Protein backbone atom coordinates (compact mmCIF):
# COMPACT_ATOMS: atom_id res chain seq x y z
CA MET A 1 184.94 141.37 206.01
CA SER A 2 183.70 141.14 202.87
CA LEU A 3 183.09 144.61 202.26
CA GLY A 4 186.56 145.03 203.86
CA ILE A 5 188.33 142.96 201.50
CA PHE A 6 186.53 145.62 198.71
CA TRP A 7 187.80 148.48 199.88
CA ASN A 8 191.02 147.25 200.21
CA ILE A 9 190.87 146.78 196.34
CA PHE A 10 189.42 149.68 195.85
CA LYS A 11 191.87 151.68 197.53
CA SER A 12 194.54 149.97 195.69
CA ALA A 13 193.73 150.92 192.66
CA LEU A 14 191.86 153.85 192.99
CA GLY A 15 194.69 155.47 195.65
CA ASP A 16 195.40 155.46 199.84
CA HIS A 17 193.26 158.37 199.89
CA TRP A 18 189.40 157.43 198.44
CA SER A 19 186.93 156.40 200.46
CA PRO A 20 183.23 155.87 199.01
CA LEU A 21 180.39 158.44 199.08
CA GLU A 22 178.54 155.16 201.47
CA VAL A 23 178.77 152.16 202.83
CA ARG A 24 175.71 150.34 203.03
CA PHE A 25 175.05 147.08 205.58
CA GLU A 26 171.87 144.45 205.62
CA HIS A 27 172.65 143.79 209.14
CA PRO A 28 170.65 146.03 212.03
CA LYS A 29 173.27 149.06 213.15
CA PRO A 30 175.70 147.85 216.12
CA GLY A 31 176.38 149.30 219.33
CA ASP A 32 180.07 150.19 217.91
CA SER A 33 178.76 152.05 214.66
CA ASP A 34 180.91 155.12 214.77
CA GLU A 35 183.89 152.81 214.24
CA HIS A 36 182.73 151.23 210.88
CA GLU A 37 182.80 155.29 209.81
CA CYS A 38 186.06 156.37 210.91
CA ILE A 39 187.28 152.74 209.03
CA PHE A 40 185.32 153.47 205.72
CA GLY A 41 186.11 156.85 206.06
CA ALA A 42 182.33 157.52 204.93
CA PRO A 43 178.71 157.75 206.47
CA VAL A 44 177.68 154.25 207.12
CA VAL A 45 173.88 152.88 207.27
CA PHE A 46 172.61 149.69 207.98
CA HIS A 47 169.38 147.21 207.29
CA ARG A 48 169.49 148.19 203.98
CA ARG A 49 168.36 145.94 200.89
CA THR A 50 171.80 144.88 199.93
CA ASN A 51 175.58 145.56 201.24
CA ALA A 52 176.65 147.97 198.91
CA PHE A 53 179.30 150.88 198.50
CA ALA A 54 178.49 154.37 196.38
CA PHE A 55 180.47 155.19 194.66
CA ARG A 56 181.68 158.60 192.80
CA ARG A 57 180.74 159.11 188.66
CA SER A 58 184.76 160.08 188.55
CA ASP A 59 185.87 156.63 190.42
CA LEU A 60 184.38 154.60 187.81
CA GLU A 61 186.22 156.67 184.79
CA VAL A 62 189.85 155.96 186.76
CA LYS A 63 192.13 153.55 184.81
CA MET A 64 193.00 150.54 186.58
CA PRO A 65 196.60 150.09 187.89
CA GLY A 66 198.44 147.80 185.57
CA GLN A 67 195.90 146.92 183.03
CA ASP A 68 195.00 143.97 181.50
CA PRO A 69 194.17 143.47 178.17
CA TYR A 70 193.72 140.13 177.76
CA LEU A 71 191.55 140.11 181.05
CA LEU A 72 189.62 143.16 179.28
CA SER A 73 188.82 140.52 176.95
CA ILE A 74 187.49 138.15 178.59
CA ILE A 75 185.22 140.53 180.41
CA SER A 76 184.32 142.31 177.30
CA SER A 77 182.84 138.83 175.99
CA PHE A 78 181.20 138.37 179.35
CA PHE A 79 179.04 142.06 178.60
CA GLU A 80 179.14 140.78 175.45
CA SER A 81 177.37 137.90 176.37
CA HIS A 82 175.04 139.51 178.89
CA TYR A 83 173.85 141.60 176.30
CA ALA A 84 172.63 138.68 174.12
CA PHE A 85 171.08 137.49 177.51
CA ASN A 86 168.60 140.42 177.88
CA GLN A 87 167.49 140.19 174.81
CA ASN A 88 166.16 136.63 175.04
CA PRO A 89 162.72 136.22 176.10
CA GLU A 90 163.07 133.80 178.15
CA ASP A 91 166.53 134.48 179.54
CA PHE A 92 165.00 137.60 180.26
CA ALA A 93 161.47 135.65 182.07
CA ALA A 94 163.92 133.37 183.84
CA ALA A 95 165.97 136.31 185.62
CA VAL A 96 162.70 137.99 186.37
CA LYS A 97 161.26 134.89 188.06
CA ASN A 98 164.38 133.97 189.60
CA GLN A 99 164.65 137.27 191.51
CA ILE A 100 161.26 136.85 192.34
CA LYS A 101 162.20 133.32 193.81
CA LEU A 102 165.00 135.28 195.87
CA HIS A 103 161.75 138.01 197.13
CA LEU A 104 158.98 135.67 197.97
CA GLY A 105 158.24 135.99 201.95
CA ASP A 106 155.67 137.96 204.17
CA GLN A 107 155.79 140.29 201.10
CA LEU A 108 155.19 140.12 197.96
CA PRO A 109 157.48 141.33 195.30
CA THR A 110 156.73 143.87 193.29
CA VAL A 111 157.51 145.39 190.23
CA SER A 112 158.77 148.37 190.97
CA GLY A 113 160.70 146.63 193.58
CA ILE A 114 161.95 143.84 191.23
CA ALA A 115 162.92 146.06 188.66
CA LYS A 116 165.09 148.67 190.91
CA ILE A 117 166.55 144.78 191.79
CA LEU A 118 167.38 144.70 187.94
CA GLY A 119 168.99 148.26 187.55
CA LEU A 120 165.60 149.02 185.54
CA ARG A 121 163.39 152.13 186.05
CA ASP A 122 159.84 150.92 186.00
CA ALA A 123 158.86 152.19 182.65
CA ALA A 124 161.85 150.29 181.55
CA PHE A 125 160.76 147.38 182.70
CA HIS A 126 157.33 147.66 182.29
CA LYS A 127 158.52 148.21 178.17
CA ALA A 128 161.03 145.37 178.51
CA LEU A 129 158.34 143.50 179.47
CA LYS A 130 155.62 144.46 177.23
CA ASN A 131 158.09 143.40 174.73
CA ARG A 132 158.35 139.91 175.36
CA GLY A 133 155.31 139.74 175.74
CA LEU A 134 155.20 138.68 179.30
CA LEU A 135 153.37 139.93 182.17
CA PHE A 136 154.49 140.42 185.33
CA SER A 137 151.76 138.47 187.24
CA ASP A 138 152.47 135.29 184.67
CA ILE A 139 155.75 135.45 185.95
CA LEU A 140 154.93 135.46 189.59
CA CYS A 141 152.74 133.04 189.83
CA ALA A 142 155.08 130.53 188.05
CA ALA A 143 157.90 131.31 190.72
CA ARG A 144 155.27 130.63 193.41
CA ARG A 145 154.20 127.65 191.32
CA GLU A 146 157.61 125.93 190.86
CA LEU A 147 158.92 127.16 194.90
CA ALA A 148 155.71 125.46 196.00
CA LEU A 149 156.13 121.83 194.36
CA HIS A 150 159.91 122.10 196.00
CA TYR A 151 158.63 122.78 199.10
CA MET A 152 156.40 120.12 198.85
CA LYS A 153 158.93 117.96 198.80
CA ASN A 154 159.75 118.32 202.73
CA ALA A 155 156.99 116.54 203.89
CA ASP A 156 158.95 117.37 206.90
CA MET A 157 157.72 121.60 205.82
CA PRO A 158 153.87 122.62 207.20
CA LEU A 159 151.39 123.52 204.61
CA THR A 160 151.36 127.32 206.42
CA ASN A 161 155.05 127.57 206.39
CA ILE A 162 155.29 127.24 203.03
CA ALA A 163 152.21 129.63 202.23
CA TYR A 164 154.08 131.49 204.16
CA GLU A 165 157.75 131.64 202.02
CA LEU A 166 155.29 132.10 198.96
CA GLY A 167 153.82 135.41 200.06
CA TYR A 168 150.19 134.23 200.87
CA SER A 169 148.89 135.91 204.22
CA GLU A 170 146.87 132.47 204.31
CA LEU A 171 146.90 128.88 203.95
CA SER A 172 143.78 128.89 201.86
CA ALA A 173 144.52 131.42 199.78
CA PHE A 174 147.67 128.61 199.10
CA SER A 175 145.51 126.06 199.00
CA ARG A 176 143.42 127.45 196.12
CA ALA A 177 146.44 128.47 194.07
CA PHE A 178 147.80 125.44 194.00
CA ARG A 179 144.26 123.18 192.63
CA ALA A 180 144.65 125.46 190.05
CA TRP A 181 148.54 124.32 189.07
CA THR A 182 147.87 120.43 190.33
CA GLY A 183 144.05 119.70 190.00
CA MET A 184 144.41 118.58 193.83
CA SER A 185 144.66 120.05 197.03
CA PRO A 186 148.02 120.48 198.98
CA HIS A 187 147.66 117.47 201.29
CA ARG A 188 146.62 115.44 198.84
CA TYR A 189 149.22 116.27 196.86
CA ARG A 190 151.77 115.74 199.33
CA LYS A 191 150.34 112.28 199.92
CA THR A 192 150.37 110.95 196.61
CA VAL A 193 154.06 112.47 196.26
CA MET A 194 155.53 110.57 199.52
CA MET A 195 152.80 107.13 197.84
CA LYS A 196 154.93 107.48 195.27
CA SER A 197 158.28 107.86 196.51
CA SER A 198 157.94 104.91 199.34
CA ASP A 199 157.38 102.78 195.87
């Protein structure tokens, strides 16, 4: 539904004749997928990393109908602040860490994967980390630690599930990492937290 709404918005700006180069959906392919291609007028693929439209470069050069200079000034300010954000080492590290948190699970996020999400080539991402004195492994560790402490507050969440959510294949590996972070085993830490919350 969301892509359908945006499709209508793009058509109102680019003309009724417009259609995307490709449409991508996160969900699995349904049985009636031919109807999707008929509606969007473009190839439709499923089970992708994100929902998206593929645009022609020429589409990006089309002037918006009913241009609004005031709105443009607001958007320009946003992009300027976004640029400043990317120059701050702490903000850049936070952006990387947040993406790692979002993609932790049965497989660990990779440098290439996070770089792609942030719209950077691997070399550019490595350079951005180096220029800011950051290591991807340190940010990954910090992301795991923050999520671990968050999950540990949920007494109903088994430790094996926490280990899985943090990208550990075994509970023992998570336990060793957690002890290095806190000086306590997960069991002892959870017991301590529960005791404090009951006081």
